[in-house]
C-alpha atoms as a PDB file:
ATOM      1  CA  MET A   1      35.047  18.404 -30.499  1.00  0.00           C
ATOM      2  CA  LYS A   2      36.258  18.066 -26.913  1.00  0.00           C
ATOM      3  CA  ALA A   3      38.826  15.358 -26.078  1.00  0.00           C
ATOM      4  CA  LEU A   4      41.074  14.506 -23.210  1.00  0.00           C
ATOM      5  CA  VAL A   5      44.506  13.934 -24.626  1.00  0.00           C
ATOM      6  CA  SER A   6      47.983  12.824 -23.756  1.00  0.00           C
ATOM      7  CA  GLU A   7      50.557  15.180 -25.298  1.00  0.00           C
ATOM      8  CA  ALA A   8      53.583  13.896 -23.461  1.00  0.00           C
ATOM      9  CA  SER A   9      54.453  10.683 -21.596  1.00  0.00           C
ATOM     10  CA  GLY A  10      53.277  10.767 -17.995  1.00  0.00           C
ATOM     11  CA  GLY A  11      50.691   9.919 -15.460  1.00  0.00           C
ATOM     12  CA  PRO A  12      46.951  10.818 -15.443  1.00  0.00           C
ATOM     13  CA  GLU A  13      47.656  14.261 -14.134  1.00  0.00           C
ATOM     14  CA  THR A  14      49.426  15.125 -17.556  1.00  0.00           C
ATOM     15  CA  LEU A  15      46.190  14.694 -19.536  1.00  0.00           C
ATOM     16  CA  VAL A  16      44.678  17.886 -20.902  1.00  0.00           C
ATOM     17  CA  MET A  17      41.421  18.973 -22.487  1.00  0.00           C
ATOM     18  CA  ARG A  18      41.672  20.120 -26.128  1.00  0.00           C
ATOM     19  CA  ASP A  19      39.462  21.071 -28.997  1.00  0.00           C
ATOM     20  CA  LEU A  20      40.095  18.716 -31.936  1.00  0.00           C
ATOM     21  CA  PRO A  21      38.737  18.403 -35.446  1.00  0.00           C
ATOM     22  CA  VAL A  22      35.825  16.031 -35.789  1.00  0.00           C
ATOM     23  CA  PRO A  23      37.132  12.827 -37.422  1.00  0.00           C
ATOM     24  CA  THR A  24      35.695  11.319 -40.575  1.00  0.00           C
ATOM     25  CA  ALA A  25      34.662   7.715 -41.114  1.00  0.00           C
ATOM     26  CA  GLY A  26      36.676   6.129 -43.848  1.00  0.00           C
ATOM     27  CA  ALA A  27      35.962   2.972 -45.799  1.00  0.00           C
ATOM     28  CA  GLY A  28      34.896   0.139 -43.497  1.00  0.00           C
ATOM     29  CA  GLU A  29      34.529   2.594 -40.530  1.00  0.00           C
ATOM     30  CA  VAL A  30      31.804   4.275 -38.445  1.00  0.00           C
ATOM     31  CA  LEU A  31      31.828   7.608 -36.690  1.00  0.00           C
ATOM     32  CA  ILE A  32      30.410   7.312 -33.140  1.00  0.00           C
ATOM     33  CA  ARG A  33      29.022   9.874 -30.761  1.00  0.00           C
ATOM     34  CA  VAL A  34      30.578   8.684 -27.546  1.00  0.00           C
ATOM     35  CA  ARG A  35      28.228   8.364 -24.631  1.00  0.00           C
ATOM     36  CA  ALA A  36      30.417   6.441 -22.184  1.00  0.00           C
ATOM     37  CA  CYS A  37      34.042   5.152 -22.128  1.00  0.00           C
ATOM     38  CA  GLY A  38      35.211   2.269 -20.032  1.00  0.00           C
ATOM     39  CA  VAL A  39      38.428   2.703 -18.202  1.00  0.00           C
ATOM     40  CA  ASN A  40      40.898  -0.151 -18.194  1.00  0.00           C
ATOM     41  CA  TYR A  41      44.423  -0.774 -16.972  1.00  0.00           C
ATOM     42  CA  PRO A  42      46.040  -0.465 -20.388  1.00  0.00           C
ATOM     43  CA  ASP A  43      44.896   3.193 -20.390  1.00  0.00           C
ATOM     44  CA  ALA A  44      47.178   3.902 -17.444  1.00  0.00           C
ATOM     45  CA  LEU A  45      50.070   2.089 -19.128  1.00  0.00           C
ATOM     46  CA  MET A  46      49.514   3.628 -22.591  1.00  0.00           C
ATOM     47  CA  ILE A  47      49.891   7.252 -21.400  1.00  0.00           C
ATOM     48  CA  GLU A  48      53.212   6.403 -19.796  1.00  0.00           C
ATOM     49  CA  ASP A  49      54.572   4.571 -22.886  1.00  0.00           C
ATOM     50  CA  LYS A  50      54.468   1.295 -20.953  1.00  0.00           C
ATOM     51  CA  TYR A  51      51.953  -0.636 -23.026  1.00  0.00           C
ATOM     52  CA  GLN A  52      52.657  -2.857 -26.027  1.00  0.00           C
ATOM     53  CA  PHE A  53      51.345  -0.320 -28.461  1.00  0.00           C
ATOM     54  CA  ARG A  54      52.320   3.324 -28.512  1.00  0.00           C
ATOM     55  CA  PRO A  55      49.856   5.693 -30.374  1.00  0.00           C
ATOM     56  CA  GLU A  56      51.217   8.759 -32.003  1.00  0.00           C
ATOM     57  CA  ARG A  57      50.594  11.820 -29.799  1.00  0.00           C
ATOM     58  CA  PRO A  58      48.419  13.660 -29.219  1.00  0.00           C
ATOM     59  CA  PHE A  59      45.973  10.905 -28.482  1.00  0.00           C
ATOM     60  CA  ALA A  60      43.037  10.420 -26.194  1.00  0.00           C
ATOM     61  CA  PRO A  61      43.088   7.208 -23.956  1.00  0.00           C
ATOM     62  CA  GLY A  62      40.131   5.012 -23.767  1.00  0.00           C
ATOM     63  CA  GLY A  63      39.849   1.731 -25.687  1.00  0.00           C
ATOM     64  CA  GLU A  64      36.239   0.698 -25.309  1.00  0.00           C
ATOM     65  CA  ILE A  65      33.179   2.900 -25.722  1.00  0.00           C
ATOM     66  CA  ALA A  66      29.433   2.954 -26.105  1.00  0.00           C
ATOM     67  CA  GLY A  67      27.553   5.444 -28.163  1.00  0.00           C
ATOM     68  CA  ASP A  68      25.426   6.228 -31.260  1.00  0.00           C
ATOM     69  CA  VAL A  69      26.477   5.831 -34.910  1.00  0.00           C
ATOM     70  CA  LEU A  70      26.572   9.275 -36.626  1.00  0.00           C
ATOM     71  CA  THR A  71      27.764   8.290 -40.146  1.00  0.00           C
ATOM     72  CA  VAL A  72      29.141   5.188 -41.805  1.00  0.00           C
ATOM     73  CA  GLY A  73      31.964   4.935 -44.389  1.00  0.00           C
ATOM     74  CA  ALA A  74      31.957   3.260 -47.699  1.00  0.00           C
ATOM     75  CA  GLY A  75      31.214  -0.474 -47.705  1.00  0.00           C
ATOM     76  CA  VAL A  76      29.597  -0.532 -44.260  1.00  0.00           C
ATOM     77  CA  THR A  77      26.203  -2.239 -44.454  1.00  0.00           C
ATOM     78  CA  GLU A  78      25.768  -3.778 -40.994  1.00  0.00           C
ATOM     79  CA  PHE A  79      25.324  -0.357 -39.229  1.00  0.00           C
ATOM     80  CA  ALA A  80      23.434   2.816 -39.925  1.00  0.00           C
ATOM     81  CA  ALA A  81      23.118   6.237 -38.442  1.00  0.00           C
ATOM     82  CA  GLY A  82      21.253   6.038 -35.047  1.00  0.00           C
ATOM     83  CA  ASP A  83      22.315   2.485 -34.140  1.00  0.00           C
ATOM     84  CA  ARG A  84      23.456   2.181 -30.534  1.00  0.00           C
ATOM     85  CA  VAL A  85      26.800   0.401 -30.497  1.00  0.00           C
ATOM     86  CA  ILE A  86      29.684  -0.939 -28.330  1.00  0.00           C
ATOM     87  CA  ALA A  87      33.046  -0.417 -29.996  1.00  0.00           C
ATOM     88  CA  LEU A  88      36.629  -1.308 -29.298  1.00  0.00           C
ATOM     89  CA  VAL A  89      38.794   1.515 -30.556  1.00  0.00           C
ATOM     90  CA  GLY A  90      42.145   0.816 -28.919  1.00  0.00           C
ATOM     91  CA  HIS A  91      42.511   4.469 -27.925  1.00  0.00           C
ATOM     92  CA  GLY A  92      40.623   7.759 -28.636  1.00  0.00           C
ATOM     93  CA  GLY A  93      37.536   6.914 -26.516  1.00  0.00           C
ATOM     94  CA  MET A  94      37.858   9.876 -24.099  1.00  0.00           C
ATOM     95  CA  ALA A  95      36.448  12.295 -26.660  1.00  0.00           C
ATOM     96  CA  GLU A  96      33.037  13.357 -27.836  1.00  0.00           C
ATOM     97  CA  GLN A  97      33.395  11.549 -31.140  1.00  0.00           C
ATOM     98  CA  VAL A  98      35.569   8.662 -32.372  1.00  0.00           C
ATOM     99  CA  VAL A  99      36.003   6.508 -35.440  1.00  0.00           C
ATOM    100  CA  ALA A 100      35.881   2.743 -35.103  1.00  0.00           C
ATOM    101  CA  LYS A 101      36.360  -0.088 -37.551  1.00  0.00           C
ATOM    102  CA  ALA A 102      33.036  -1.635 -38.241  1.00  0.00           C
ATOM    103  CA  PRO A 103      34.141  -5.235 -37.374  1.00  0.00           C
ATOM    104  CA  LYS A 104      35.117  -3.847 -33.935  1.00  0.00           C
ATOM    105  CA  CYS A 105      31.578  -2.730 -33.337  1.00  0.00           C
ATOM    106  CA  LEU A 106      28.661  -4.569 -31.746  1.00  0.00           C
ATOM    107  CA  LYS A 107      25.001  -3.556 -31.574  1.00  0.00           C
ATOM    108  CA  MET A 108      23.771  -2.885 -28.034  1.00  0.00           C
ATOM    109  CA  PRO A 109      20.636  -4.530 -26.689  1.00  0.00           C
ATOM    110  CA  ALA A 110      17.882  -1.927 -26.440  1.00  0.00           C
ATOM    111  CA  ALA A 111      17.591  -2.164 -22.643  1.00  0.00           C
ATOM    112  CA  MET A 112      21.365  -1.893 -21.965  1.00  0.00           C
ATOM    113  CA  PRO A 113      22.434   1.484 -20.549  1.00  0.00           C
ATOM    114  CA  TYR A 114      25.520   3.153 -22.050  1.00  0.00           C
ATOM    115  CA  ASP A 115      27.573   2.967 -18.923  1.00  0.00           C
ATOM    116  CA  GLU A 116      27.171  -0.842 -18.654  1.00  0.00           C
ATOM    117  CA  ALA A 117      27.695  -1.292 -22.294  1.00  0.00           C
ATOM    118  CA  ALA A 118      31.040   0.554 -22.056  1.00  0.00           C
ATOM    119  CA  ALA A 119      32.050  -1.785 -19.247  1.00  0.00           C
ATOM    120  CA  LEU A 120      31.228  -5.031 -20.924  1.00  0.00           C
ATOM    121  CA  ILE A 121      33.400  -6.232 -23.785  1.00  0.00           C
ATOM    122  CA  PHE A 122      36.998  -5.499 -22.639  1.00  0.00           C
ATOM    123  CA  THR A 123      36.765  -7.109 -19.177  1.00  0.00           C
ATOM    124  CA  TYR A 124      34.222  -9.883 -19.954  1.00  0.00           C
ATOM    125  CA  GLY A 125      35.812 -10.506 -23.273  1.00  0.00           C
ATOM    126  CA  THR A 126      39.199 -10.986 -21.654  1.00  0.00           C
ATOM    127  CA  SER A 127      37.908 -13.182 -18.903  1.00  0.00           C
ATOM    128  CA  TYR A 128      35.636 -15.292 -21.112  1.00  0.00           C
ATOM    129  CA  HIS A 129      38.450 -16.016 -23.517  1.00  0.00           C
ATOM    130  CA  ALA A 130      40.722 -16.972 -20.633  1.00  0.00           C
ATOM    131  CA  LEU A 131      38.211 -19.290 -18.986  1.00  0.00           C
ATOM    132  CA  LYS A 132      36.710 -20.811 -22.235  1.00  0.00           C
ATOM    133  CA  GLN A 133      39.482 -21.045 -24.795  1.00  0.00           C
ATOM    134  CA  ARG A 134      42.603 -21.058 -22.595  1.00  0.00           C
ATOM    135  CA  ALA A 135      41.525 -22.811 -19.401  1.00  0.00           C
ATOM    136  CA  ALA A 136      38.668 -25.001 -20.753  1.00  0.00           C
ATOM    137  CA  LEU A 137      36.886 -24.417 -17.457  1.00  0.00           C
ATOM    138  CA  LYS A 138      34.387 -27.241 -16.726  1.00  0.00           C
ATOM    139  CA  PRO A 139      31.374 -27.532 -14.459  1.00  0.00           C
ATOM    140  CA  GLY A 140      32.597 -28.624 -10.967  1.00  0.00           C
ATOM    141  CA  ASP A 141      36.029 -27.164 -11.387  1.00  0.00           C
ATOM    142  CA  THR A 142      37.476 -24.992  -8.520  1.00  0.00           C
ATOM    143  CA  LEU A 143      38.464 -21.560  -9.887  1.00  0.00           C
ATOM    144  CA  LEU A 144      40.604 -19.183  -7.678  1.00  0.00           C
ATOM    145  CA  VAL A 145      40.400 -15.659  -8.892  1.00  0.00           C
ATOM    146  CA  LEU A 146      43.088 -13.147  -7.663  1.00  0.00           C
ATOM    147  CA  GLY A 147      42.042  -9.472  -7.798  1.00  0.00           C
ATOM    148  CA  ALA A 148      38.408 -10.713  -7.792  1.00  0.00           C
ATOM    149  CA  ALA A 149      36.868  -7.329  -7.168  1.00  0.00           C
ATOM    150  CA  GLY A 150      38.540  -5.566 -10.158  1.00  0.00           C
ATOM    151  CA  GLY A 151      37.211  -5.219 -13.672  1.00  0.00           C
ATOM    152  CA  VAL A 152      38.440  -8.458 -15.193  1.00  0.00           C
ATOM    153  CA  GLY A 153      38.472 -10.255 -11.862  1.00  0.00           C
ATOM    154  CA  LEU A 154      34.834  -9.598 -11.055  1.00  0.00           C
ATOM    155  CA  ALA A 155      33.948 -10.607 -14.688  1.00  0.00           C
ATOM    156  CA  ALA A 156      35.835 -13.887 -14.102  1.00  0.00           C
ATOM    157  CA  VAL A 157      33.914 -14.481 -10.945  1.00  0.00           C
ATOM    158  CA  GLU A 158      30.511 -14.024 -12.717  1.00  0.00           C
ATOM    159  CA  LEU A 159      31.568 -16.089 -15.765  1.00  0.00           C
ATOM    160  CA  GLY A 160      33.070 -18.853 -13.593  1.00  0.00           C
ATOM    161  CA  VAL A 161      29.769 -19.171 -11.835  1.00  0.00           C
ATOM    162  CA  ALA A 162      27.814 -19.113 -15.129  1.00  0.00           C
ATOM    163  CA  MET A 163      30.058 -21.897 -16.421  1.00  0.00           C
ATOM    164  CA  GLY A 164      29.357 -24.099 -13.405  1.00  0.00           C
ATOM    165  CA  ALA A 165      32.586 -23.670 -11.396  1.00  0.00           C
ATOM    166  CA  ARG A 166      33.064 -23.349  -7.762  1.00  0.00           C
ATOM    167  CA  VAL A 167      34.565 -19.742  -7.490  1.00  0.00           C
ATOM    168  CA  LEU A 168      36.904 -18.645  -4.742  1.00  0.00           C
ATOM    169  CA  ALA A 169      37.686 -14.884  -4.582  1.00  0.00           C
ATOM    170  CA  ALA A 170      41.077 -13.606  -3.423  1.00  0.00           C
ATOM    171  CA  VAL A 171      40.938  -9.959  -2.585  1.00  0.00           C
ATOM    172  CA  SER A 172      42.585  -7.294  -0.329  1.00  0.00           C
ATOM    173  CA  SER A 173      39.606  -6.183   1.839  1.00  0.00           C
ATOM    174  CA  GLU A 174      36.360  -7.229   3.398  1.00  0.00           C
ATOM    175  CA  GLU A 175      34.472  -4.811   1.166  1.00  0.00           C
ATOM    176  CA  LYS A 176      35.903  -6.409  -1.917  1.00  0.00           C
ATOM    177  CA  LEU A 177      35.203  -9.908  -0.665  1.00  0.00           C
ATOM    178  CA  ALA A 178      31.556  -8.925   0.038  1.00  0.00           C
ATOM    179  CA  LEU A 179      31.296  -7.632  -3.553  1.00  0.00           C
ATOM    180  CA  ALA A 180      32.733 -10.798  -5.063  1.00  0.00           C
ATOM    181  CA  LYS A 181      30.338 -12.945  -3.041  1.00  0.00           C
ATOM    182  CA  ALA A 182      27.410 -10.845  -4.155  1.00  0.00           C
ATOM    183  CA  HIS A 183      28.384 -11.637  -7.696  1.00  0.00           C
ATOM    184  CA  GLY A 184      28.472 -15.315  -7.085  1.00  0.00           C
ATOM    185  CA  ALA A 185      31.714 -16.312  -5.432  1.00  0.00           C
ATOM    186  CA  THR A 186      31.290 -19.305  -3.092  1.00  0.00           C
ATOM    187  CA  ASP A 187      33.872 -18.135  -0.609  1.00  0.00           C
ATOM    188  CA  GLY A 188      37.281 -16.349  -0.598  1.00  0.00           C
ATOM    189  CA  VAL A 189      40.277 -15.049   1.218  1.00  0.00           C
ATOM    190  CA  ILE A 190      41.589 -11.558   2.066  1.00  0.00           C
ATOM    191  CA  TYR A 191      45.284 -11.404   1.419  1.00  0.00           C
ATOM    192  CA  PRO A 192      47.672  -8.877   3.031  1.00  0.00           C
ATOM    193  CA  ARG A 193      49.536  -6.243   1.158  1.00  0.00           C
ATOM    194  CA  GLY A 194      53.029  -7.102  -0.087  1.00  0.00           C
ATOM    195  CA  PRO A 195      55.895  -7.281  -0.586  1.00  0.00           C
ATOM    196  CA  PHE A 196      56.479 -10.440   1.452  1.00  0.00           C
ATOM    197  CA  ASP A 197      59.617 -11.831   3.082  1.00  0.00           C
ATOM    198  CA  LYS A 198      60.205 -15.619   3.022  1.00  0.00           C
ATOM    199  CA  ASP A 199      57.875 -16.319   5.924  1.00  0.00           C
ATOM    200  CA  GLY A 200      55.216 -13.923   4.517  1.00  0.00           C
ATOM    201  CA  ALA A 201      55.284 -15.722   1.127  1.00  0.00           C
ATOM    202  CA  LYS A 202      54.809 -19.047   2.848  1.00  0.00           C
ATOM    203  CA  ALA A 203      51.932 -17.813   4.915  1.00  0.00           C
ATOM    204  CA  LEU A 204      50.290 -16.333   1.776  1.00  0.00           C
ATOM    205  CA  ALA A 205      50.677 -19.766   0.008  1.00  0.00           C
ATOM    206  CA  ASP A 206      49.137 -21.516   2.998  1.00  0.00           C
ATOM    207  CA  LEU A 207      46.273 -18.997   2.900  1.00  0.00           C
ATOM    208  CA  PHE A 208      45.517 -19.881  -0.705  1.00  0.00           C
ATOM    209  CA  LYS A 209      45.964 -23.671  -0.138  1.00  0.00           C
ATOM    210  CA  ASN A 210      43.572 -23.712   2.802  1.00  0.00           C
ATOM    211  CA  ALA A 211      40.980 -21.874   0.767  1.00  0.00           C
ATOM    212  CA  CYS A 212      41.257 -24.214  -2.198  1.00  0.00           C
ATOM    213  CA  GLY A 213      41.204 -27.438  -0.090  1.00  0.00           C
ATOM    214  CA  LYS A 214      43.438 -30.555  -0.328  1.00  0.00           C
ATOM    215  CA  ARG A 215      42.823 -31.000  -4.059  1.00  0.00           C
ATOM    216  CA  GLY A 216      43.780 -27.418  -4.973  1.00  0.00           C
ATOM    217  CA  ALA A 217      42.449 -25.081  -7.642  1.00  0.00           C
ATOM    218  CA  ASP A 218      41.874 -26.483 -11.089  1.00  0.00           C
ATOM    219  CA  VAL A 219      42.213 -23.024 -12.513  1.00  0.00           C
ATOM    220  CA  VAL A 220      44.085 -19.985 -11.118  1.00  0.00           C
ATOM    221  CA  TYR A 221      43.052 -16.605 -12.655  1.00  0.00           C
ATOM    222  CA  ASP A 222      45.868 -14.242 -11.827  1.00  0.00           C
ATOM    223  CA  ALA A 223      45.078 -10.583 -12.482  1.00  0.00           C
ATOM    224  CA  VAL A 224      47.509  -9.363  -9.792  1.00  0.00           C
ATOM    225  CA  GLY A 225      50.991 -10.787 -10.330  1.00  0.00           C
ATOM    226  CA  GLY A 226      53.862  -9.844  -7.975  1.00  0.00           C
ATOM    227  CA  ASP A 227      54.452 -12.038  -4.985  1.00  0.00           C
ATOM    228  CA  TYR A 228      50.850 -13.346  -5.225  1.00  0.00           C
ATOM    229  CA  ALA A 229      51.517 -15.378  -8.336  1.00  0.00           C
ATOM    230  CA  GLU A 230      53.880 -17.983  -6.930  1.00  0.00           C
ATOM    231  CA  ALA A 231      51.817 -18.314  -3.747  1.00  0.00           C
ATOM    232  CA  ALA A 232      48.838 -18.989  -5.824  1.00  0.00           C
ATOM    233  CA  LEU A 233      50.637 -21.473  -8.069  1.00  0.00           C
ATOM    234  CA  ARG A 234      51.575 -23.432  -4.954  1.00  0.00           C
ATOM    235  CA  ALA A 235      47.805 -23.928  -4.380  1.00  0.00           C
ATOM    236  CA  ILE A 236      47.021 -25.278  -7.929  1.00  0.00           C
ATOM    237  CA  ALA A 237      45.723 -28.777  -8.487  1.00  0.00           C
ATOM    238  CA  TRP A 238      47.488 -31.563 -10.506  1.00  0.00           C
ATOM    239  CA  GLU A 239      47.199 -30.680 -14.160  1.00  0.00           C
ATOM    240  CA  GLY A 240      45.741 -27.280 -13.230  1.00  0.00           C
ATOM    241  CA  ARG A 241      45.807 -24.188 -15.515  1.00  0.00           C
ATOM    242  CA  PHE A 242      47.455 -21.027 -14.272  1.00  0.00           C
ATOM    243  CA  LEU A 243      46.211 -17.960 -16.225  1.00  0.00           C
ATOM    244  CA  VAL A 244      48.509 -15.000 -16.607  1.00  0.00           C
ATOM    245  CA  VAL A 245      46.238 -11.986 -16.993  1.00  0.00           C
ATOM    246  CA  GLY A 246      47.949  -8.837 -15.527  1.00  0.00           C
ATOM    247  CA  PHE A 247      50.603  -7.403 -13.239  1.00  0.00           C
ATOM    248  CA  PRO A 248      49.400  -4.551 -11.110  1.00  0.00           C
ATOM    249  CA  ALA A 249      51.532  -5.847  -8.252  1.00  0.00           C
ATOM    250  CA  GLY A 250      54.530  -6.301 -10.492  1.00  0.00           C
ATOM    251  CA  ILE A 251      55.775  -8.935 -12.975  1.00  0.00           C
ATOM    252  CA  PRO A 252      56.450 -12.099 -11.023  1.00  0.00           C
ATOM    253  CA  ARG A 253      59.404 -14.454 -11.287  1.00  0.00           C
ATOM    254  CA  ILE A 254      58.051 -17.978 -10.858  1.00  0.00           C
ATOM    255  CA  PRO A 255      60.319 -21.010 -10.306  1.00  0.00           C
ATOM    256  CA  LEU A 256      59.402 -23.360 -13.128  1.00  0.00           C
ATOM    257  CA  ASN A 257      60.050 -26.447 -10.980  1.00  0.00           C
ATOM    258  CA  LEU A 258      56.609 -25.710  -9.517  1.00  0.00           C
ATOM    259  CA  ALA A 259      54.963 -26.279 -12.899  1.00  0.00           C
ATOM    260  CA  LEU A 260      56.793 -29.565 -13.192  1.00  0.00           C
ATOM    261  CA  LEU A 261      55.839 -30.736  -9.729  1.00  0.00           C
ATOM    262  CA  LYS A 262      52.178 -29.812 -10.336  1.00  0.00           C
ATOM    263  CA  GLY A 263      52.023 -31.107 -13.881  1.00  0.00           C
ATOM    264  CA  CYS A 264      50.289 -27.819 -14.544  1.00  0.00           C
ATOM    265  CA  GLN A 265      50.142 -25.353 -17.396  1.00  0.00           C
ATOM    266  CA  ILE A 266      51.067 -21.683 -17.149  1.00  0.00           C
ATOM    267  CA  VAL A 267      48.950 -19.974 -19.797  1.00  0.00           C
ATOM    268  CA  GLY A 268      49.316 -16.404 -21.155  1.00  0.00           C
ATOM    269  CA  ILE A 269      46.151 -14.354 -21.793  1.00  0.00           C
ATOM    270  CA  PHE A 270      46.573 -11.786 -24.566  1.00  0.00           C
ATOM    271  CA  TRP A 271      42.953 -11.239 -25.456  1.00  0.00           C
ATOM    272  CA  GLY A 272      43.509  -8.163 -27.770  1.00  0.00           C
ATOM    273  CA  SER A 273      45.966 -10.202 -30.020  1.00  0.00           C
ATOM    274  CA  TRP A 274      43.699 -13.240 -30.002  1.00  0.00           C
ATOM    275  CA  THR A 275      40.725 -11.133 -31.241  1.00  0.00           C
ATOM    276  CA  GLU A 276      42.762 -10.200 -34.303  1.00  0.00           C
ATOM    277  CA  ARG A 277      44.004 -13.758 -34.958  1.00  0.00           C
ATOM    278  CA  ASP A 278      40.659 -15.436 -34.532  1.00  0.00           C
ATOM    279  CA  PRO A 279      37.867 -12.963 -35.246  1.00  0.00           C
ATOM    280  CA  VAL A 280      35.237 -15.601 -35.843  1.00  0.00           C
ATOM    281  CA  ALA A 281      35.650 -17.191 -32.428  1.00  0.00           C
ATOM    282  CA  ASN A 282      35.784 -13.733 -30.845  1.00  0.00           C
ATOM    283  CA  ALA A 283      32.451 -12.733 -32.473  1.00  0.00           C
ATOM    284  CA  GLU A 284      30.893 -15.954 -31.159  1.00  0.00           C
ATOM    285  CA  ASN A 285      32.174 -15.156 -27.714  1.00  0.00           C
ATOM    286  CA  ASN A 286      30.681 -11.649 -27.950  1.00  0.00           C
ATOM    287  CA  ARG A 287      27.326 -13.064 -28.976  1.00  0.00           C
ATOM    288  CA  GLU A 288      27.484 -15.452 -25.962  1.00  0.00           C
ATOM    289  CA  LEU A 289      28.313 -12.593 -23.617  1.00  0.00           C
ATOM    290  CA  ILE A 290      25.361 -10.558 -24.865  1.00  0.00           C
ATOM    291  CA  GLU A 291      23.067 -13.663 -24.303  1.00  0.00           C
ATOM    292  CA  LEU A 292      24.401 -14.033 -20.711  1.00  0.00           C
ATOM    293  CA  TYR A 293      23.816 -10.322 -20.118  1.00  0.00           C
ATOM    294  CA  LEU A 294      20.228 -10.520 -21.384  1.00  0.00           C
ATOM    295  CA  ALA A 295      19.691 -13.713 -19.225  1.00  0.00           C
ATOM    296  CA  GLY A 296      20.808 -11.749 -16.149  1.00  0.00           C
ATOM    297  CA  ARG A 297      23.754 -14.060 -15.559  1.00  0.00           C
ATOM    298  CA  ILE A 298      26.397 -11.253 -15.945  1.00  0.00           C
ATOM    299  CA  LYS A 299      26.084  -7.614 -15.234  1.00  0.00           C
ATOM    300  CA  PRO A 300      28.926  -5.091 -15.242  1.00  0.00           C
ATOM    301  CA  HIS A 301      29.368  -3.487 -11.825  1.00  0.00           C
ATOM    302  CA  VAL A 302      30.052   0.181 -12.431  1.00  0.00           C
ATOM    303  CA  SER A 303      31.257   1.630  -9.120  1.00  0.00           C
ATOM    304  CA  LEU A 304      32.488   5.123 -10.254  1.00  0.00           C
ATOM    305  CA  ARG A 305      31.469   7.464 -12.978  1.00  0.00           C
ATOM    306  CA  PHE A 306      33.478  10.507 -13.954  1.00  0.00           C
ATOM    307  CA  PRO A 307      32.809  13.395 -16.435  1.00  0.00           C
ATOM    308  CA  LEU A 308      35.230  13.675 -19.415  1.00  0.00           C
ATOM    309  CA  ALA A 309      37.138  16.596 -17.764  1.00  0.00           C
ATOM    310  CA  ASP A 310      37.989  14.178 -14.865  1.00  0.00           C
ATOM    311  CA  GLY A 311      39.077  11.338 -16.986  1.00  0.00           C
ATOM    312  CA  GLY A 312      42.581  11.479 -15.483  1.00  0.00           C
ATOM    313  CA  LEU A 313      41.046  10.890 -11.985  1.00  0.00           C
ATOM    314  CA  ALA A 314      39.226   7.950 -13.384  1.00  0.00           C
ATOM    315  CA  ILE A 315      42.387   6.402 -14.702  1.00  0.00           C
ATOM    316  CA  GLN A 316      44.113   6.922 -11.398  1.00  0.00           C
ATOM    317  CA  GLU A 317      41.743   4.496  -9.583  1.00  0.00           C
ATOM    318  CA  LEU A 318      43.162   1.504 -11.421  1.00  0.00           C
ATOM    319  CA  PRO A 319      46.882   1.545 -10.566  1.00  0.00           C
ATOM    320  CA  ALA A 320      45.949   2.659  -7.082  1.00  0.00           C
ATOM    321  CA  ARG A 321      43.895  -0.633  -6.893  1.00  0.00           C
ATOM    322  CA  ARG A 322      40.924   1.204  -5.419  1.00  0.00           C
ATOM    323  CA  ALA A 323      38.469   0.338  -8.248  1.00  0.00           C
ATOM    324  CA  LEU A 324      35.645  -1.999  -7.486  1.00  0.00           C
ATOM    325  CA  GLY A 325      34.434  -3.500 -10.756  1.00  0.00           C
ATOM    326  CA  LYS A 326      34.485  -0.864 -13.519  1.00  0.00           C
ATOM    327  CA  VAL A 327      35.120   2.772 -13.700  1.00  0.00           C
ATOM    328  CA  VAL A 328      33.450   4.692 -16.528  1.00  0.00           C
ATOM    329  CA  VAL A 329      33.852   8.070 -18.054  1.00  0.00           C
ATOM    330  CA  THR A 330      30.442   9.491 -19.169  1.00  0.00           C
ATOM    331  CA  ILE A 331      30.270  12.112 -21.922  1.00  0.00           C
ATOM    332  CA  ASP A 332      27.169  14.384 -22.051  1.00  0.00           C
END
């Protein structure tokens, strides 16, 4: 089978196409014919050995896929050959076939296309866990989303609206703000590119404060990091929840006196680990996400599609912060 693999640590340009043996489904596993693979920021980190987990090389990046079950291993009763499924595989998705653990698979609705299916669980799963379990977002809350046009950010916008919040989108361009508004954001701000000096950091904080209003944001969803994090924290409401989601702009250093003065919580979001620790709650979240999709309240925005051979170009879109919504690799 064809696979796009990482043979040595490096950027997306180091990925190479190889012919690999077809894997076999073991006990509790399913073998899937991959039709589409969602691209996520961890893919860029993993191939450079900068992620929490380092697969043994050679490996194909790609942690979420959609495709068709080919065979099932011993003990698997919930899936059968021919089933259309979404699967979380950690890595290995940029290949024609991949093995997944059965509990990590989810049957696709009949009307869902493969590219949207491969763009659903990772981003919406992360954002739903963040807003539901970690932030306890309530109807009427003000939600400020940083990086609101990216994969997890746009998912947070849609889910925030579905949960009854007033959603404000923070983005880096007019095009991105228009996209966030089209997906339900009430309003938003366009922030400048960093880094920022002292005056620039104050101006950025004022930008967020003016957008959120006198009371501030009940929940800040930070998928950007860097200098933007402290500025957004300064715009949080009393007893607000600041969600730490990602750091494409760098890992921030936040003065903790701000948390004291705001009486707020700074909450880490490690969705992947949570799914392992609480699989029952995660399964319920996935069921609710499918229901929201079928009701038309959420819909993955796939802005770019690449063939398998150009999977490296697909990954490059994320650290360059050019991606709008999700980028997907399609496999014919």
